[in-house]
Amino acid sequence: MTKADIVNEIAKNTGVEKVAVQKTVEAFMETIKASLVNGESVFLRGFGSFVTRKRAEKTARNITKGIAITIPEHSIPSFKPAKVFMSEVKDSKNIKK
């Protein structure tokens, strides 16, 4: 499902114009992104949490040059689904193979 599909589905279910729904969805995503950039977590009860996680500094190899490089500590975005969300997905009968 793409962002356009999500916008279409919300517009169909709520009766709100697609343009308004698209602005809302994009504002929602920008708000989550801005919160994570500022080091804040986003908790959506019944859905999940958007958090940042720290990756430790590590040594890696540049295979083409044959040298070792150091990758500094950095943050990455992460999503942890809520227990209710996880149980609904696990119990779903729509498993595609």
PDB file of N, CA and C in Angstrom:
ATOM      1  N   MET A   1       0.848  -1.172   0.000  1.00  0.00           N
ATOM      2  CA  MET A   1       0.000   0.000   0.000  1.00  0.00           C
ATOM      3  C   MET A   1       0.897   1.240   0.000  1.00  0.00           C
ATOM      4  N   THR A   2       0.609   2.169  -0.856  1.00  0.00           N
ATOM      5  CA  THR A   2       1.390   3.398  -0.968  1.00  0.00           C
ATOM      6  C   THR A   2       0.685   4.538  -0.227  1.00  0.00           C
ATOM      7  N   LYS A   3       1.371   5.677  -0.134  1.00  0.00           N
ATOM      8  CA  LYS A   3       0.770   6.844   0.500  1.00  0.00           C
ATOM      9  C   LYS A   3      -0.499   7.257  -0.244  1.00  0.00           C
ATOM     10  N   ALA A   4      -0.476   7.186  -1.570  1.00  0.00           N
ATOM     11  CA  ALA A   4      -1.659   7.527  -2.364  1.00  0.00           C
ATOM     12  C   ALA A   4      -2.816   6.583  -2.045  1.00  0.00           C
ATOM     13  N   ASP A   5      -2.522   5.302  -1.860  1.00  0.00           N
ATOM     14  CA  ASP A   5      -3.562   4.337  -1.500  1.00  0.00           C
ATOM     15  C   ASP A   5      -4.158   4.659  -0.132  1.00  0.00           C
ATOM     16  N   ILE A   6      -3.294   5.049   0.795  1.00  0.00           N
ATOM     17  CA  ILE A   6      -3.765   5.416   2.138  1.00  0.00           C
ATOM     18  C   ILE A   6      -4.676   6.637   2.059  1.00  0.00           C
ATOM     19  N   VAL A   7      -4.257   7.638   1.300  1.00  0.00           N
ATOM     20  CA  VAL A   7      -5.069   8.850   1.131  1.00  0.00           C
ATOM     21  C   VAL A   7      -6.413   8.498   0.519  1.00  0.00           C
ATOM     22  N   ASN A   8      -6.414   7.681  -0.521  1.00  0.00           N
ATOM     23  CA  ASN A   8      -7.671   7.274  -1.164  1.00  0.00           C
ATOM     24  C   ASN A   8      -8.585   6.537  -0.196  1.00  0.00           C
ATOM     25  N   GLU A   9      -8.031   5.636   0.584  1.00  0.00           N
ATOM     26  CA  GLU A   9      -8.820   4.846   1.530  1.00  0.00           C
ATOM     27  C   GLU A   9      -9.431   5.731   2.615  1.00  0.00           C
ATOM     28  N   ILE A  10      -8.640   6.650   3.164  1.00  0.00           N
ATOM     29  CA  ILE A  10      -9.154   7.555   4.199  1.00  0.00           C
ATOM     30  C   ILE A  10     -10.230   8.465   3.621  1.00  0.00           C
ATOM     31  N   ALA A  11      -9.996   9.007   2.422  1.00  0.00           N
ATOM     32  CA  ALA A  11     -10.982   9.882   1.786  1.00  0.00           C
ATOM     33  C   ALA A  11     -12.288   9.135   1.543  1.00  0.00           C
ATOM     34  N   LYS A  12     -12.188   7.889   1.112  1.00  0.00           N
ATOM     35  CA  LYS A  12     -13.380   7.076   0.838  1.00  0.00           C
ATOM     36  C   LYS A  12     -14.144   6.785   2.131  1.00  0.00           C
ATOM     37  N   ASN A  13     -13.408   6.462   3.209  1.00  0.00           N
ATOM     38  CA  ASN A  13     -14.058   6.084   4.470  1.00  0.00           C
ATOM     39  C   ASN A  13     -14.612   7.265   5.255  1.00  0.00           C
ATOM     40  N   THR A  14     -14.039   8.460   5.075  1.00  0.00           N
ATOM     41  CA  THR A  14     -14.466   9.608   5.870  1.00  0.00           C
ATOM     42  C   THR A  14     -15.303  10.616   5.100  1.00  0.00           C
ATOM     43  N   GLY A  15     -15.228  10.588   3.772  1.00  0.00           N
ATOM     44  CA  GLY A  15     -15.949  11.555   2.972  1.00  0.00           C
ATOM     45  C   GLY A  15     -15.242  12.900   2.860  1.00  0.00           C
ATOM     46  N   VAL A  16     -14.005  12.980   3.375  1.00  0.00           N
ATOM     47  CA  VAL A  16     -13.213  14.206   3.296  1.00  0.00           C
ATOM     48  C   VAL A  16     -12.503  14.222   1.945  1.00  0.00           C
ATOM     49  N   GLU A  17     -12.316  15.427   1.384  1.00  0.00           N
ATOM     50  CA  GLU A  17     -11.668  15.544   0.082  1.00  0.00           C
ATOM     51  C   GLU A  17     -10.241  14.999   0.135  1.00  0.00           C
ATOM     52  N   LYS A  18      -9.803  14.431  -0.997  1.00  0.00           N
ATOM     53  CA  LYS A  18      -8.467  13.835  -1.070  1.00  0.00           C
ATOM     54  C   LYS A  18      -7.365  14.845  -0.789  1.00  0.00           C
ATOM     55  N   VAL A  19      -7.534  16.074  -1.253  1.00  0.00           N
ATOM     56  CA  VAL A  19      -6.505  17.108  -1.047  1.00  0.00           C
ATOM     57  C   VAL A  19      -6.309  17.367   0.448  1.00  0.00           C
ATOM     58  N   ALA A  20      -7.400  17.460   1.188  1.00  0.00           N
ATOM     59  CA  ALA A  20      -7.320  17.689   2.634  1.00  0.00           C
ATOM     60  C   ALA A  20      -6.700  16.499   3.342  1.00  0.00           C
ATOM     61  N   VAL A  21      -7.090  15.301   2.924  1.00  0.00           N
ATOM     62  CA  VAL A  21      -6.537  14.086   3.532  1.00  0.00           C
ATOM     63  C   VAL A  21      -5.041  14.004   3.250  1.00  0.00           C
ATOM     64  N   GLN A  22      -4.634  14.316   2.025  1.00  0.00           N
ATOM     65  CA  GLN A  22      -3.218  14.255   1.675  1.00  0.00           C
ATOM     66  C   GLN A  22      -2.406  15.228   2.518  1.00  0.00           C
ATOM     67  N   LYS A  23      -2.907  16.455   2.700  1.00  0.00           N
ATOM     68  CA  LYS A  23      -2.208  17.434   3.535  1.00  0.00           C
ATOM     69  C   LYS A  23      -2.095  16.943   4.969  1.00  0.00           C
ATOM     70  N   THR A  24      -3.154  16.320   5.467  1.00  0.00           N
ATOM     71  CA  THR A  24      -3.157  15.798   6.834  1.00  0.00           C
ATOM     72  C   THR A  24      -2.154  14.660   6.994  1.00  0.00           C
ATOM     73  N   VAL A  25      -2.145  13.730   6.059  1.00  0.00           N
ATOM     74  CA  VAL A  25      -1.217  12.592   6.116  1.00  0.00           C
ATOM     75  C   VAL A  25       0.234  13.088   6.042  1.00  0.00           C
ATOM     76  N   GLU A  26       0.510  14.029   5.143  1.00  0.00           N
ATOM     77  CA  GLU A  26       1.859  14.554   5.018  1.00  0.00           C
ATOM     78  C   GLU A  26       2.272  15.336   6.265  1.00  0.00           C
ATOM     79  N   ALA A  27       1.339  16.098   6.855  1.00  0.00           N
ATOM     80  CA  ALA A  27       1.635  16.825   8.090  1.00  0.00           C
ATOM     81  C   ALA A  27       1.914  15.852   9.233  1.00  0.00           C
ATOM     82  N   PHE A  28       1.159  14.752   9.279  1.00  0.00           N
ATOM     83  CA  PHE A  28       1.361  13.715  10.294  1.00  0.00           C
ATOM     84  C   PHE A  28       2.770  13.131  10.183  1.00  0.00           C
ATOM     85  N   MET A  29       3.171  12.789   8.961  1.00  0.00           N
ATOM     86  CA  MET A  29       4.494  12.196   8.758  1.00  0.00           C
ATOM     87  C   MET A  29       5.605  13.189   9.076  1.00  0.00           C
ATOM     88  N   GLU A  30       5.422  14.454   8.702  1.00  0.00           N
ATOM     89  CA  GLU A  30       6.420  15.487   8.986  1.00  0.00           C
ATOM     90  C   GLU A  30       6.548  15.718  10.490  1.00  0.00           C
ATOM     91  N   THR A  31       5.439  15.664  11.208  1.00  0.00           N
ATOM     92  CA  THR A  31       5.457  15.851  12.657  1.00  0.00           C
ATOM     93  C   THR A  31       6.229  14.714  13.334  1.00  0.00           C
ATOM     94  N   ILE A  32       5.997  13.498  12.897  1.00  0.00           N
ATOM     95  CA  ILE A  32       6.729  12.355  13.455  1.00  0.00           C
ATOM     96  C   ILE A  32       8.221  12.496  13.155  1.00  0.00           C
ATOM     97  N   LYS A  33       8.537  12.842  11.908  1.00  0.00           N
ATOM     98  CA  LYS A  33       9.931  12.998  11.516  1.00  0.00           C
ATOM     99  C   LYS A  33      10.615  14.086  12.342  1.00  0.00           C
ATOM    100  N   ALA A  34       9.960  15.233  12.497  1.00  0.00           N
ATOM    101  CA  ALA A  34      10.534  16.343  13.261  1.00  0.00           C
ATOM    102  C   ALA A  34      10.739  15.959  14.724  1.00  0.00           C
ATOM    103  N   SER A  35       9.799  15.227  15.288  1.00  0.00           N
ATOM    104  CA  SER A  35       9.929  14.789  16.678  1.00  0.00           C
ATOM    105  C   SER A  35      11.139  13.876  16.850  1.00  0.00           C
ATOM    106  N   LEU A  36      11.309  12.935  15.932  1.00  0.00           N
ATOM    107  CA  LEU A  36      12.442  12.017  16.025  1.00  0.00           C
ATOM    108  C   LEU A  36      13.770  12.752  15.841  1.00  0.00           C
ATOM    109  N   VAL A  37      13.811  13.724  14.920  1.00  0.00           N
ATOM    110  CA  VAL A  37      15.027  14.512  14.712  1.00  0.00           C
ATOM    111  C   VAL A  37      15.386  15.272  15.989  1.00  0.00           C
ATOM    112  N   ASN A  38      14.369  15.741  16.728  1.00  0.00           N
ATOM    113  CA  ASN A  38      14.591  16.479  17.971  1.00  0.00           C
ATOM    114  C   ASN A  38      14.822  15.567  19.171  1.00  0.00           C
ATOM    115  N   GLY A  39      14.886  14.261  18.943  1.00  0.00           N
ATOM    116  CA  GLY A  39      15.157  13.318  20.023  1.00  0.00           C
ATOM    117  C   GLY A  39      13.939  12.922  20.828  1.00  0.00           C
ATOM    118  N   GLU A  40      12.750  13.292  20.373  1.00  0.00           N
ATOM    119  CA  GLU A  40      11.513  12.943  21.067  1.00  0.00           C
ATOM    120  C   GLU A  40      10.909  11.683  20.451  1.00  0.00           C
ATOM    121  N   SER A  41      10.330  10.845  21.290  1.00  0.00           N
ATOM    122  CA  SER A  41       9.632   9.663  20.801  1.00  0.00           C
ATOM    123  C   SER A  41       8.169   9.997  20.575  1.00  0.00           C
ATOM    124  N   VAL A  42       7.505   9.241  19.703  1.00  0.00           N
ATOM    125  CA  VAL A  42       6.079   9.437  19.420  1.00  0.00           C
ATOM    126  C   VAL A  42       5.362   8.151  19.802  1.00  0.00           C
ATOM    127  N   PHE A  43       4.405   8.251  20.723  1.00  0.00           N
ATOM    128  CA  PHE A  43       3.668   7.088  21.205  1.00  0.00           C
ATOM    129  C   PHE A  43       2.211   7.189  20.761  1.00  0.00           C
ATOM    130  N   LEU A  44       1.749   6.213  19.996  1.00  0.00           N
ATOM    131  CA  LEU A  44       0.365   6.162  19.536  1.00  0.00           C
ATOM    132  C   LEU A  44      -0.289   4.925  20.147  1.00  0.00           C
ATOM    133  N   ARG A  45      -1.086   5.151  21.179  1.00  0.00           N
ATOM    134  CA  ARG A  45      -1.705   4.046  21.924  1.00  0.00           C
ATOM    135  C   ARG A  45      -2.500   3.139  20.984  1.00  0.00           C
ATOM    136  N   GLY A  46      -2.257   1.846  21.074  1.00  0.00           N
ATOM    137  CA  GLY A  46      -2.955   0.871  20.250  1.00  0.00           C
ATOM    138  C   GLY A  46      -2.335   0.671  18.877  1.00  0.00           C
ATOM    139  N   PHE A  47      -1.352   1.506  18.530  1.00  0.00           N
ATOM    140  CA  PHE A  47      -0.702   1.389  17.223  1.00  0.00           C
ATOM    141  C   PHE A  47       0.769   1.059  17.379  1.00  0.00           C
ATOM    142  N   GLY A  48       1.515   1.921  18.073  1.00  0.00           N
ATOM    143  CA  GLY A  48       2.929   1.655  18.276  1.00  0.00           C
ATOM    144  C   GLY A  48       3.700   2.904  18.627  1.00  0.00           C
ATOM    145  N   SER A  49       5.017   2.760  18.683  1.00  0.00           N
ATOM    146  CA  SER A  49       5.896   3.858  19.067  1.00  0.00           C
ATOM    147  C   SER A  49       6.969   4.069  18.011  1.00  0.00           C
ATOM    148  N   PHE A  50       7.195   5.338  17.679  1.00  0.00           N
ATOM    149  CA  PHE A  50       8.306   5.725  16.827  1.00  0.00           C
ATOM    150  C   PHE A  50       9.381   6.254  17.750  1.00  0.00           C
ATOM    151  N   VAL A  51      10.556   5.648  17.738  1.00  0.00           N
ATOM    152  CA  VAL A  51      11.649   6.034  18.627  1.00  0.00           C
ATOM    153  C   VAL A  51      12.952   6.110  17.831  1.00  0.00           C
ATOM    154  N   THR A  52      13.949   6.741  18.429  1.00  0.00           N
ATOM    155  CA  THR A  52      15.283   6.712  17.838  1.00  0.00           C
ATOM    156  C   THR A  52      16.144   5.778  18.669  1.00  0.00           C
ATOM    157  N   ARG A  53      16.982   5.042  17.998  1.00  0.00           N
ATOM    158  CA  ARG A  53      17.905   4.120  18.664  1.00  0.00           C
ATOM    159  C   ARG A  53      19.324   4.508  18.319  1.00  0.00           C
ATOM    160  N   LYS A  54      20.202   4.291  19.266  1.00  0.00           N
ATOM    161  CA  LYS A  54      21.617   4.610  19.060  1.00  0.00           C
ATOM    162  C   LYS A  54      22.338   3.394  18.488  1.00  0.00           C
ATOM    163  N   ARG A  55      23.110   3.627  17.459  1.00  0.00           N
ATOM    164  CA  ARG A  55      24.002   2.608  16.921  1.00  0.00           C
ATOM    165  C   ARG A  55      25.399   2.953  17.417  1.00  0.00           C
ATOM    166  N   ALA A  56      26.070   2.010  18.001  1.00  0.00           N
ATOM    167  CA  ALA A  56      27.397   2.244  18.556  1.00  0.00           C
ATOM    168  C   ALA A  56      28.426   2.435  17.442  1.00  0.00           C
ATOM    169  N   GLU A  57      29.523   3.087  17.792  1.00  0.00           N
ATOM    170  CA  GLU A  57      30.621   3.242  16.832  1.00  0.00           C
ATOM    171  C   GLU A  57      31.172   1.860  16.496  1.00  0.00           C
ATOM    172  N   LYS A  58      31.547   1.670  15.227  1.00  0.00           N
ATOM    173  CA  LYS A  58      32.096   0.373  14.836  1.00  0.00           C
ATOM    174  C   LYS A  58      33.124   0.548  13.734  1.00  0.00           C
ATOM    175  N   THR A  59      33.940  -0.461  13.584  1.00  0.00           N
ATOM    176  CA  THR A  59      34.952  -0.475  12.535  1.00  0.00           C
ATOM    177  C   THR A  59      34.442  -1.354  11.402  1.00  0.00           C
ATOM    178  N   ALA A  60      34.557  -0.829  10.191  1.00  0.00           N
ATOM    179  CA  ALA A  60      34.115  -1.575   9.015  1.00  0.00           C
ATOM    180  C   ALA A  60      35.246  -1.556   7.991  1.00  0.00           C
ATOM    181  N   ARG A  61      35.083  -2.332   6.931  1.00  0.00           N
ATOM    182  CA  ARG A  61      36.109  -2.382   5.893  1.00  0.00           C
ATOM    183  C   ARG A  61      35.565  -1.857   4.587  1.00  0.00           C
ATOM    184  N   ASN A  62      36.352  -1.019   3.931  1.00  0.00           N
ATOM    185  CA  ASN A  62      36.057  -0.585   2.575  1.00  0.00           C
ATOM    186  C   ASN A  62      36.734  -1.603   1.666  1.00  0.00           C
ATOM    187  N   ILE A  63      35.965  -2.495   1.097  1.00  0.00           N
ATOM    188  CA  ILE A  63      36.512  -3.617   0.336  1.00  0.00           C
ATOM    189  C   ILE A  63      37.258  -3.143  -0.906  1.00  0.00           C
ATOM    190  N   THR A  64      36.742  -2.112  -1.587  1.00  0.00           N
ATOM    191  CA  THR A  64      37.382  -1.674  -2.822  1.00  0.00           C
ATOM    192  C   THR A  64      38.760  -1.068  -2.580  1.00  0.00           C
ATOM    193  N   LYS A  65      38.922  -0.353  -1.468  1.00  0.00           N
ATOM    194  CA  LYS A  65      40.215   0.275  -1.156  1.00  0.00           C
ATOM    195  C   LYS A  65      41.052  -0.577  -0.212  1.00  0.00           C
ATOM    196  N   GLY A  66      40.431  -1.548   0.419  1.00  0.00           N
ATOM    197  CA  GLY A  66      41.145  -2.432   1.328  1.00  0.00           C
ATOM    198  C   GLY A  66      41.587  -1.761   2.621  1.00  0.00           C
ATOM    199  N   ILE A  67      40.797  -0.781   3.085  1.00  0.00           N
ATOM    200  CA  ILE A  67      41.165  -0.098   4.321  1.00  0.00           C
ATOM    201  C   ILE A  67      40.042  -0.221   5.338  1.00  0.00           C
ATOM    202  N   ALA A  68      40.409  -0.039   6.605  1.00  0.00           N
ATOM    203  CA  ALA A  68      39.423  -0.057   7.673  1.00  0.00           C
ATOM    204  C   ALA A  68      38.924   1.373   7.895  1.00  0.00           C
ATOM    205  N   ILE A  69      37.627   1.520   8.081  1.00  0.00           N
ATOM    206  CA  ILE A  69      37.053   2.825   8.370  1.00  0.00           C
ATOM    207  C   ILE A  69      36.242   2.735   9.660  1.00  0.00           C
ATOM    208  N   THR A  70      36.116   3.858  10.325  1.00  0.00           N
ATOM    209  CA  THR A  70      35.337   3.908  11.553  1.00  0.00           C
ATOM    210  C   THR A  70      34.008   4.590  11.258  1.00  0.00           C
ATOM    211  N   ILE A  71      32.938   3.896  11.595  1.00  0.00           N
ATOM    212  CA  ILE A  71      31.606   4.467  11.455  1.00  0.00           C
ATOM    213  C   ILE A  71      31.223   5.008  12.828  1.00  0.00           C
ATOM    214  N   PRO A  72      31.016   6.327  12.935  1.00  0.00           N
ATOM    215  CA  PRO A  72      30.738   6.909  14.250  1.00  0.00           C
ATOM    216  C   PRO A  72      29.371   6.502  14.791  1.00  0.00           C
ATOM    217  N   GLU A  73      29.191   6.713  16.096  1.00  0.00           N
ATOM    218  CA  GLU A  73      27.895   6.458  16.721  1.00  0.00           C
ATOM    219  C   GLU A  73      26.854   7.352  16.053  1.00  0.00           C
ATOM    220  N   HIS A  74      25.681   6.795  15.800  1.00  0.00           N
ATOM    221  CA  HIS A  74      24.625   7.573  15.165  1.00  0.00           C
ATOM    222  C   HIS A  74      23.256   7.042  15.588  1.00  0.00           C
ATOM    223  N   SER A  75      22.234   7.841  15.327  1.00  0.00           N
ATOM    224  CA  SER A  75      20.855   7.463  15.664  1.00  0.00           C
ATOM    225  C   SER A  75      20.136   6.990  14.416  1.00  0.00           C
ATOM    226  N   ILE A  76      19.234   6.033  14.608  1.00  0.00           N
ATOM    227  CA  ILE A  76      18.397   5.556  13.512  1.00  0.00           C
ATOM    228  C   ILE A  76      16.943   5.531  13.985  1.00  0.00           C
ATOM    229  N   PRO A  77      15.994   5.792  13.081  1.00  0.00           N
ATOM    230  CA  PRO A  77      14.584   5.716  13.472  1.00  0.00           C
ATOM    231  C   PRO A  77      14.140   4.259  13.577  1.00  0.00           C
ATOM    232  N   SER A  78      13.199   4.018  14.482  1.00  0.00           N
ATOM    233  CA  SER A  78      12.712   2.666  14.683  1.00  0.00           C
ATOM    234  C   SER A  78      11.225   2.718  15.036  1.00  0.00           C
ATOM    235  N   PHE A  79      10.501   1.677  14.673  1.00  0.00           N
ATOM    236  CA  PHE A  79       9.083   1.568  15.013  1.00  0.00           C
ATOM    237  C   PHE A  79       8.867   0.297  15.795  1.00  0.00           C
ATOM    238  N   LYS A  80       8.185   0.413  16.926  1.00  0.00           N
ATOM    239  CA  LYS A  80       7.836  -0.756  17.721  1.00  0.00           C
ATOM    240  C   LYS A  80       6.317  -0.833  17.798  1.00  0.00           C
ATOM    241  N   PRO A  81       5.710  -1.848  17.170  1.00  0.00           N
ATOM    242  CA  PRO A  81       4.248  -1.955  17.187  1.00  0.00           C
ATOM    243  C   PRO A  81       3.720  -2.262  18.586  1.00  0.00           C
ATOM    244  N   ALA A  82       2.505  -1.794  18.866  1.00  0.00           N
ATOM    245  CA  ALA A  82       1.850  -2.066  20.137  1.00  0.00           C
ATOM    246  C   ALA A  82       1.425  -3.537  20.193  1.00  0.00           C
ATOM    247  N   LYS A  83       1.229  -4.025  21.406  1.00  0.00           N
ATOM    248  CA  LYS A  83       0.838  -5.428  21.578  1.00  0.00           C
ATOM    249  C   LYS A  83      -0.481  -5.738  20.874  1.00  0.00           C
ATOM    250  N   VAL A  84      -1.434  -4.807  20.936  1.00  0.00           N
ATOM    251  CA  VAL A  84      -2.729  -5.002  20.282  1.00  0.00           C
ATOM    252  C   VAL A  84      -2.532  -5.131  18.770  1.00  0.00           C
ATOM    253  N   PHE A  85      -1.695  -4.261  18.223  1.00  0.00           N
ATOM    254  CA  PHE A  85      -1.379  -4.273  16.795  1.00  0.00           C
ATOM    255  C   PHE A  85      -0.734  -5.612  16.418  1.00  0.00           C
ATOM    256  N   MET A  86       0.242  -6.030  17.201  1.00  0.00           N
ATOM    257  CA  MET A  86       0.944  -7.292  16.918  1.00  0.00           C
ATOM    258  C   MET A  86      -0.011  -8.476  16.958  1.00  0.00           C
ATOM    259  N   SER A  87      -0.893  -8.512  17.944  1.00  0.00           N
ATOM    260  CA  SER A  87      -1.800  -9.658  18.056  1.00  0.00           C
ATOM    261  C   SER A  87      -2.796  -9.684  16.890  1.00  0.00           C
ATOM    262  N   GLU A  88      -3.239  -8.510  16.425  1.00  0.00           N
ATOM    263  CA  GLU A  88      -4.144  -8.472  15.275  1.00  0.00           C
ATOM    264  C   GLU A  88      -3.457  -8.983  14.016  1.00  0.00           C
ATOM    265  N   VAL A  89      -2.195  -8.614  13.832  1.00  0.00           N
ATOM    266  CA  VAL A  89      -1.453  -9.071  12.657  1.00  0.00           C
ATOM    267  C   VAL A  89      -1.194 -10.577  12.737  1.00  0.00           C
ATOM    268  N   LYS A  90      -0.816 -11.049  13.915  1.00  0.00           N
ATOM    269  CA  LYS A  90      -0.555 -12.478  14.091  1.00  0.00           C
ATOM    270  C   LYS A  90      -1.794 -13.335  13.891  1.00  0.00           C
ATOM    271  N   ASP A  91      -2.936 -12.812  14.324  1.00  0.00           N
ATOM    272  CA  ASP A  91      -4.179 -13.579  14.238  1.00  0.00           C
ATOM    273  C   ASP A  91      -4.889 -13.438  12.906  1.00  0.00           C
ATOM    274  N   SER A  92      -4.357 -12.580  12.011  1.00  0.00           N
ATOM    275  CA  SER A  92      -5.049 -12.359  10.737  1.00  0.00           C
ATOM    276  C   SER A  92      -4.987 -13.627   9.871  1.00  0.00           C
ATOM    277  N   LYS A  93      -6.050 -13.837   9.118  1.00  0.00           N
ATOM    278  CA  LYS A  93      -6.135 -15.009   8.235  1.00  0.00           C
ATOM    279  C   LYS A  93      -5.694 -14.679   6.826  1.00  0.00           C
ATOM    280  N   ASN A  94      -5.284 -13.428   6.583  1.00  0.00           N
ATOM    281  CA  ASN A  94      -4.924 -12.982   5.234  1.00  0.00           C
ATOM    282  C   ASN A  94      -3.422 -13.114   4.965  1.00  0.00           C
ATOM    283  N   ILE A  95      -2.866 -14.239   5.300  1.00  0.00           N
ATOM    284  CA  ILE A  95      -1.441 -14.456   5.089  1.00  0.00           C
ATOM    285  C   ILE A  95      -1.199 -14.798   3.618  1.00  0.00           C
ATOM    286  N   LYS A  96      -0.373 -13.974   2.959  1.00  0.00           N
ATOM    287  CA  LYS A  96      -0.047 -14.200   1.545  1.00  0.00           C
ATOM    288  C   LYS A  96       1.277 -14.941   1.454  1.00  0.00           C
ATOM    289  N   LYS A  97       1.338 -15.893   0.584  1.00  0.00           N
ATOM    290  CA  LYS A  97       2.576 -16.655   0.419  1.00  0.00           C
ATOM    291  C   LYS A  97       3.180 -16.374  -0.926  1.00  0.00           C
TER     292      LYS A  97
END
